[in-house]
Amino acid sequence: MSLPIAILPGVSRGGSTVAAGLVCGLKRPDAARFSFFIAIPAIGGAKLLELLKILRGKVAVDVAW
């Protein structure tokens, strides 16, 4: 059974992807860029799930500006 590293305390997604990029031979700027771009699908997916909850009426939305 494999244990995902992300569930260990203190290990961030950004830090682990930058570290993995450096281990694979990327330069620091390229590893940081890779880490940033790999976050886009995760953030977009989370926002999509929140939008679906709002559209289904499961989450109250405060529209006071």
PDB file of N, CA and C in Angstrom:
ATOM      1  N   MET A   1       0.849  -1.178   0.000  1.00  0.00           N
ATOM      2  CA  MET A   1       0.000   0.000   0.000  1.00  0.00           C
ATOM      3  C   MET A   1       0.891   1.237   0.000  1.00  0.00           C
ATOM      4  N   SER A   2       0.627   2.165  -0.906  1.00  0.00           N
ATOM      5  CA  SER A   2       1.419   3.396  -0.953  1.00  0.00           C
ATOM      6  C   SER A   2       0.711   4.492  -0.176  1.00  0.00           C
ATOM      7  N   LEU A   3       1.492   5.334   0.453  1.00  0.00           N
ATOM      8  CA  LEU A   3       0.962   6.430   1.259  1.00  0.00           C
ATOM      9  C   LEU A   3       1.203   7.737   0.528  1.00  0.00           C
ATOM     10  N   PRO A   4       0.136   8.474   0.177  1.00  0.00           N
ATOM     11  CA  PRO A   4       0.347   9.767  -0.473  1.00  0.00           C
ATOM     12  C   PRO A   4       1.094  10.716   0.456  1.00  0.00           C
ATOM     13  N   ILE A   5       2.097  11.370  -0.051  1.00  0.00           N
ATOM     14  CA  ILE A   5       2.916  12.265   0.760  1.00  0.00           C
ATOM     15  C   ILE A   5       2.118  13.482   1.206  1.00  0.00           C
ATOM     16  N   ALA A   6       1.133  13.887   0.432  1.00  0.00           N
ATOM     17  CA  ALA A   6       0.388  15.108   0.730  1.00  0.00           C
ATOM     18  C   ALA A   6      -0.377  15.038   2.047  1.00  0.00           C
ATOM     19  N   ILE A   7      -0.633  13.845   2.576  1.00  0.00           N
ATOM     20  CA  ILE A   7      -1.382  13.769   3.830  1.00  0.00           C
ATOM     21  C   ILE A   7      -0.479  13.903   5.047  1.00  0.00           C
ATOM     22  N   LEU A   8       0.834  13.942   4.859  1.00  0.00           N
ATOM     23  CA  LEU A   8       1.739  14.124   5.984  1.00  0.00           C
ATOM     24  C   LEU A   8       1.720  15.583   6.430  1.00  0.00           C
ATOM     25  N   PRO A   9       1.741  15.825   7.725  1.00  0.00           N
ATOM     26  CA  PRO A   9       1.713  17.205   8.220  1.00  0.00           C
ATOM     27  C   PRO A   9       2.921  18.012   7.744  1.00  0.00           C
ATOM     28  N   GLY A  10       2.666  19.231   7.319  1.00  0.00           N
ATOM     29  CA  GLY A  10       3.738  20.132   6.933  1.00  0.00           C
ATOM     30  C   GLY A  10       4.208  20.004   5.498  1.00  0.00           C
ATOM     31  N   VAL A  11       3.654  19.070   4.746  1.00  0.00           N
ATOM     32  CA  VAL A  11       4.062  18.903   3.352  1.00  0.00           C
ATOM     33  C   VAL A  11       3.026  19.594   2.473  1.00  0.00           C
ATOM     34  N   SER A  12       3.460  20.658   1.794  1.00  0.00           N
ATOM     35  CA  SER A  12       2.527  21.395   0.943  1.00  0.00           C
ATOM     36  C   SER A  12       2.587  20.894  -0.492  1.00  0.00           C
ATOM     37  N   ARG A  13       1.524  21.166  -1.224  1.00  0.00           N
ATOM     38  CA  ARG A  13       1.490  20.790  -2.630  1.00  0.00           C
ATOM     39  C   ARG A  13       2.571  21.532  -3.400  1.00  0.00           C
ATOM     40  N   GLY A  14       2.687  22.823  -3.141  1.00  0.00           N
ATOM     41  CA  GLY A  14       3.683  23.623  -3.852  1.00  0.00           C
ATOM     42  C   GLY A  14       5.097  23.168  -3.561  1.00  0.00           C
ATOM     43  N   GLY A  15       5.392  22.964  -2.296  1.00  0.00           N
ATOM     44  CA  GLY A  15       6.732  22.534  -1.920  1.00  0.00           C
ATOM     45  C   GLY A  15       7.089  21.172  -2.468  1.00  0.00           C
ATOM     46  N   SER A  16       6.128  20.264  -2.452  1.00  0.00           N
ATOM     47  CA  SER A  16       6.422  18.924  -2.957  1.00  0.00           C
ATOM     48  C   SER A  16       6.591  18.911  -4.470  1.00  0.00           C
ATOM     49  N   THR A  17       5.820  19.732  -5.207  1.00  0.00           N
ATOM     50  CA  THR A  17       5.987  19.747  -6.658  1.00  0.00           C
ATOM     51  C   THR A  17       7.279  20.451  -7.067  1.00  0.00           C
ATOM     52  N   VAL A  18       7.668  21.497  -6.348  1.00  0.00           N
ATOM     53  CA  VAL A  18       8.948  22.154  -6.638  1.00  0.00           C
ATOM     54  C   VAL A  18      10.096  21.196  -6.339  1.00  0.00           C
ATOM     55  N   ALA A  19      10.035  20.511  -5.195  1.00  0.00           N
ATOM     56  CA  ALA A  19      11.082  19.556  -4.830  1.00  0.00           C
ATOM     57  C   ALA A  19      11.176  18.426  -5.853  1.00  0.00           C
ATOM     58  N   ALA A  20      10.023  17.924  -6.294  1.00  0.00           N
ATOM     59  CA  ALA A  20      10.028  16.853  -7.291  1.00  0.00           C
ATOM     60  C   ALA A  20      10.620  17.348  -8.606  1.00  0.00           C
ATOM     61  N   GLY A  21      10.302  18.569  -8.991  1.00  0.00           N
ATOM     62  CA  GLY A  21      10.869  19.138 -10.210  1.00  0.00           C
ATOM     63  C   GLY A  21      12.378  19.275 -10.128  1.00  0.00           C
ATOM     64  N   LEU A  22      12.868  19.710  -8.971  1.00  0.00           N
ATOM     65  CA  LEU A  22      14.312  19.844  -8.791  1.00  0.00           C
ATOM     66  C   LEU A  22      14.999  18.486  -8.821  1.00  0.00           C
ATOM     67  N   VAL A  23      14.373  17.482  -8.208  1.00  0.00           N
ATOM     68  CA  VAL A  23      14.938  16.127  -8.220  1.00  0.00           C
ATOM     69  C   VAL A  23      14.979  15.580  -9.645  1.00  0.00           C
ATOM     70  N   CYS A  24      13.990  15.959 -10.448  1.00  0.00           N
ATOM     71  CA  CYS A  24      13.945  15.485 -11.839  1.00  0.00           C
ATOM     72  C   CYS A  24      14.856  16.280 -12.769  1.00  0.00           C
ATOM     73  N   GLY A  25      15.560  17.267 -12.220  1.00  0.00           N
ATOM     74  CA  GLY A  25      16.531  17.992 -13.021  1.00  0.00           C
ATOM     75  C   GLY A  25      16.090  19.339 -13.552  1.00  0.00           C
ATOM     76  N   LEU A  26      14.930  19.819 -13.147  1.00  0.00           N
ATOM     77  CA  LEU A  26      14.494  21.144 -13.591  1.00  0.00           C
ATOM     78  C   LEU A  26      15.268  22.224 -12.853  1.00  0.00           C
ATOM     79  N   LYS A  27      15.425  23.362 -13.494  1.00  0.00           N
ATOM     80  CA  LYS A  27      16.007  24.518 -12.823  1.00  0.00           C
ATOM     81  C   LYS A  27      14.930  25.143 -11.944  1.00  0.00           C
ATOM     82  N   ARG A  28      15.352  25.932 -10.942  1.00  0.00           N
ATOM     83  CA  ARG A  28      14.400  26.504  -9.986  1.00  0.00           C
ATOM     84  C   ARG A  28      13.252  27.267 -10.642  1.00  0.00           C
ATOM     85  N   PRO A  29      13.515  28.175 -11.578  1.00  0.00           N
ATOM     86  CA  PRO A  29      12.382  28.901 -12.187  1.00  0.00           C
ATOM     87  C   PRO A  29      11.419  27.964 -12.923  1.00  0.00           C
ATOM     88  N   ASP A  30      11.966  26.954 -13.581  1.00  0.00           N
ATOM     89  CA  ASP A  30      11.099  26.013 -14.296  1.00  0.00           C
ATOM     90  C   ASP A  30      10.286  25.161 -13.322  1.00  0.00           C
ATOM     91  N   ALA A  31      10.896  24.763 -12.205  1.00  0.00           N
ATOM     92  CA  ALA A  31      10.181  23.982 -11.195  1.00  0.00           C
ATOM     93  C   ALA A  31       9.066  24.816 -10.572  1.00  0.00           C
ATOM     94  N   ALA A  32       9.329  26.092 -10.313  1.00  0.00           N
ATOM     95  CA  ALA A  32       8.306  26.970  -9.744  1.00  0.00           C
ATOM     96  C   ALA A  32       7.170  27.193 -10.739  1.00  0.00           C
ATOM     97  N   ARG A  33       7.507  27.377 -12.005  1.00  0.00           N
ATOM     98  CA  ARG A  33       6.484  27.557 -13.051  1.00  0.00           C
ATOM     99  C   ARG A  33       5.619  26.299 -13.169  1.00  0.00           C
ATOM    100  N   PHE A  34       6.276  25.134 -13.145  1.00  0.00           N
ATOM    101  CA  PHE A  34       5.554  23.865 -13.197  1.00  0.00           C
ATOM    102  C   PHE A  34       4.587  23.748 -12.019  1.00  0.00           C
ATOM    103  N   SER A  35       5.058  24.111 -10.820  1.00  0.00           N
ATOM    104  CA  SER A  35       4.222  24.031  -9.630  1.00  0.00           C
ATOM    105  C   SER A  35       3.011  24.948  -9.754  1.00  0.00           C
ATOM    106  N   PHE A  36       3.232  26.148 -10.287  1.00  0.00           N
ATOM    107  CA  PHE A  36       2.129  27.085 -10.474  1.00  0.00           C
ATOM    108  C   PHE A  36       1.108  26.539 -11.467  1.00  0.00           C
ATOM    109  N   PHE A  37       1.570  26.048 -12.599  1.00  0.00           N
ATOM    110  CA  PHE A  37       0.649  25.577 -13.634  1.00  0.00           C
ATOM    111  C   PHE A  37      -0.096  24.311 -13.217  1.00  0.00           C
ATOM    112  N   ILE A  38       0.528  23.468 -12.416  1.00  0.00           N
ATOM    113  CA  ILE A  38      -0.151  22.248 -11.989  1.00  0.00           C
ATOM    114  C   ILE A  38      -1.253  22.553 -10.971  1.00  0.00           C
ATOM    115  N   ALA A  39      -1.202  23.738 -10.352  1.00  0.00           N
ATOM    116  CA  ALA A  39      -2.241  24.133  -9.393  1.00  0.00           C
ATOM    117  C   ALA A  39      -3.519  24.580 -10.092  1.00  0.00           C
ATOM    118  N   ILE A  40      -3.415  25.029 -11.320  1.00  0.00           N
ATOM    119  CA  ILE A  40      -4.584  25.578 -12.021  1.00  0.00           C
ATOM    120  C   ILE A  40      -5.729  24.571 -12.127  1.00  0.00           C
ATOM    121  N   PRO A  41      -5.512  23.318 -12.547  1.00  0.00           N
ATOM    122  CA  PRO A  41      -6.639  22.369 -12.600  1.00  0.00           C
ATOM    123  C   PRO A  41      -7.237  22.077 -11.221  1.00  0.00           C
ATOM    124  N   ALA A  42      -6.410  22.005 -10.190  1.00  0.00           N
ATOM    125  CA  ALA A  42      -6.923  21.725  -8.844  1.00  0.00           C
ATOM    126  C   ALA A  42      -7.791  22.875  -8.346  1.00  0.00           C
ATOM    127  N   ILE A  43      -7.339  24.100  -8.524  1.00  0.00           N
ATOM    128  CA  ILE A  43      -8.108  25.262  -8.085  1.00  0.00           C
ATOM    129  C   ILE A  43      -9.381  25.401  -8.922  1.00  0.00           C
ATOM    130  N   GLY A  44      -9.250  25.213 -10.224  1.00  0.00           N
ATOM    131  CA  GLY A  44     -10.424  25.295 -11.100  1.00  0.00           C
ATOM    132  C   GLY A  44     -11.459  24.231 -10.772  1.00  0.00           C
ATOM    133  N   GLY A  45     -11.009  23.019 -10.473  1.00  0.00           N
ATOM    134  CA  GLY A  45     -11.937  21.947 -10.098  1.00  0.00           C
ATOM    135  C   GLY A  45     -12.657  22.240  -8.798  1.00  0.00           C
ATOM    136  N   ALA A  46     -11.940  22.782  -7.827  1.00  0.00           N
ATOM    137  CA  ALA A  46     -12.563  23.139  -6.546  1.00  0.00           C
ATOM    138  C   ALA A  46     -13.612  24.224  -6.750  1.00  0.00           C
ATOM    139  N   LYS A  47     -13.301  25.209  -7.576  1.00  0.00           N
ATOM    140  CA  LYS A  47     -14.259  26.287  -7.845  1.00  0.00           C
ATOM    141  C   LYS A  47     -15.484  25.762  -8.591  1.00  0.00           C
ATOM    142  N   LEU A  48     -15.267  24.824  -9.501  1.00  0.00           N
ATOM    143  CA  LEU A  48     -16.384  24.226 -10.230  1.00  0.00           C
ATOM    144  C   LEU A  48     -17.310  23.466  -9.275  1.00  0.00           C
ATOM    145  N   LEU A  49     -16.730  22.721  -8.337  1.00  0.00           N
ATOM    146  CA  LEU A  49     -17.558  22.006  -7.363  1.00  0.00           C
ATOM    147  C   LEU A  49     -18.352  22.977  -6.493  1.00  0.00           C
ATOM    148  N   GLU A  50     -17.734  24.082  -6.089  1.00  0.00           N
ATOM    149  CA  GLU A  50     -18.451  25.092  -5.307  1.00  0.00           C
ATOM    150  C   GLU A  50     -19.579  25.716  -6.123  1.00  0.00           C
ATOM    151  N   LEU A  51     -19.320  25.987  -7.398  1.00  0.00           N
ATOM    152  CA  LEU A  51     -20.353  26.547  -8.259  1.00  0.00           C
ATOM    153  C   LEU A  51     -21.533  25.583  -8.393  1.00  0.00           C
ATOM    154  N   LEU A  52     -21.240  24.290  -8.526  1.00  0.00           N
ATOM    155  CA  LEU A  52     -22.319  23.300  -8.618  1.00  0.00           C
ATOM    156  C   LEU A  52     -23.145  23.260  -7.336  1.00  0.00           C
ATOM    157  N   LYS A  53     -22.492  23.382  -6.179  1.00  0.00           N
ATOM    158  CA  LYS A  53     -23.228  23.418  -4.914  1.00  0.00           C
ATOM    159  C   LYS A  53     -24.143  24.637  -4.862  1.00  0.00           C
ATOM    160  N   ILE A  54     -23.649  25.771  -5.329  1.00  0.00           N
ATOM    161  CA  ILE A  54     -24.447  27.000  -5.322  1.00  0.00           C
ATOM    162  C   ILE A  54     -25.641  26.859  -6.264  1.00  0.00           C
ATOM    163  N   LEU A  55     -25.399  26.332  -7.454  1.00  0.00           N
ATOM    164  CA  LEU A  55     -26.478  26.188  -8.432  1.00  0.00           C
ATOM    165  C   LEU A  55     -27.533  25.191  -7.977  1.00  0.00           C
ATOM    166  N   ARG A  56     -27.139  24.187  -7.209  1.00  0.00           N
ATOM    167  CA  ARG A  56     -28.096  23.198  -6.704  1.00  0.00           C
ATOM    168  C   ARG A  56     -28.803  23.682  -5.445  1.00  0.00           C
ATOM    169  N   GLY A  57     -28.411  24.833  -4.925  1.00  0.00           N
ATOM    170  CA  GLY A  57     -29.059  25.402  -3.759  1.00  0.00           C
ATOM    171  C   GLY A  57     -28.583  24.824  -2.442  1.00  0.00           C
ATOM    172  N   LYS A  58     -27.456  24.139  -2.428  1.00  0.00           N
ATOM    173  CA  LYS A  58     -26.951  23.533  -1.197  1.00  0.00           C
ATOM    174  C   LYS A  58     -26.104  24.501  -0.375  1.00  0.00           C
ATOM    175  N   VAL A  59     -25.765  25.647  -0.954  1.00  0.00           N
ATOM    176  CA  VAL A  59     -24.953  26.644  -0.262  1.00  0.00           C
ATOM    177  C   VAL A  59     -25.641  27.994  -0.400  1.00  0.00           C
ATOM    178  N   ALA A  60     -25.791  28.686   0.726  1.00  0.00           N
ATOM    179  CA  ALA A  60     -26.392  30.013   0.695  1.00  0.00           C
ATOM    180  C   ALA A  60     -25.352  31.010   0.182  1.00  0.00           C
ATOM    181  N   VAL A  61     -25.789  31.930  -0.657  1.00  0.00           N
ATOM    182  CA  VAL A  61     -24.905  32.928  -1.218  1.00  0.00           C
ATOM    183  C   VAL A  61     -25.351  34.301  -0.729  1.00  0.00           C
ATOM    184  N   ASP A  62     -24.414  35.040  -0.149  1.00  0.00           N
ATOM    185  CA  ASP A  62     -24.694  36.402   0.302  1.00  0.00           C
ATOM    186  C   ASP A  62     -24.384  37.338  -0.857  1.00  0.00           C
ATOM    187  N   VAL A  63     -25.392  38.002  -1.378  1.00  0.00           N
ATOM    188  CA  VAL A  63     -25.194  38.872  -2.527  1.00  0.00           C
ATOM    189  C   VAL A  63     -25.056  40.338  -2.147  1.00  0.00           C
ATOM    190  N   ALA A  64     -24.871  40.619  -0.866  1.00  0.00           N
ATOM    191  CA  ALA A  64     -24.687  41.995  -0.431  1.00  0.00           C
ATOM    192  C   ALA A  64     -23.300  42.473  -0.867  1.00  0.00           C
ATOM    193  N   TRP A  65     -23.284  43.537  -1.635  1.00  0.00           N
ATOM    194  CA  TRP A  65     -22.008  44.059  -2.133  1.00  0.00           C
ATOM    195  C   TRP A  65     -21.543  45.099  -1.174  1.00  0.00           C
TER     196      TRP A  65
END
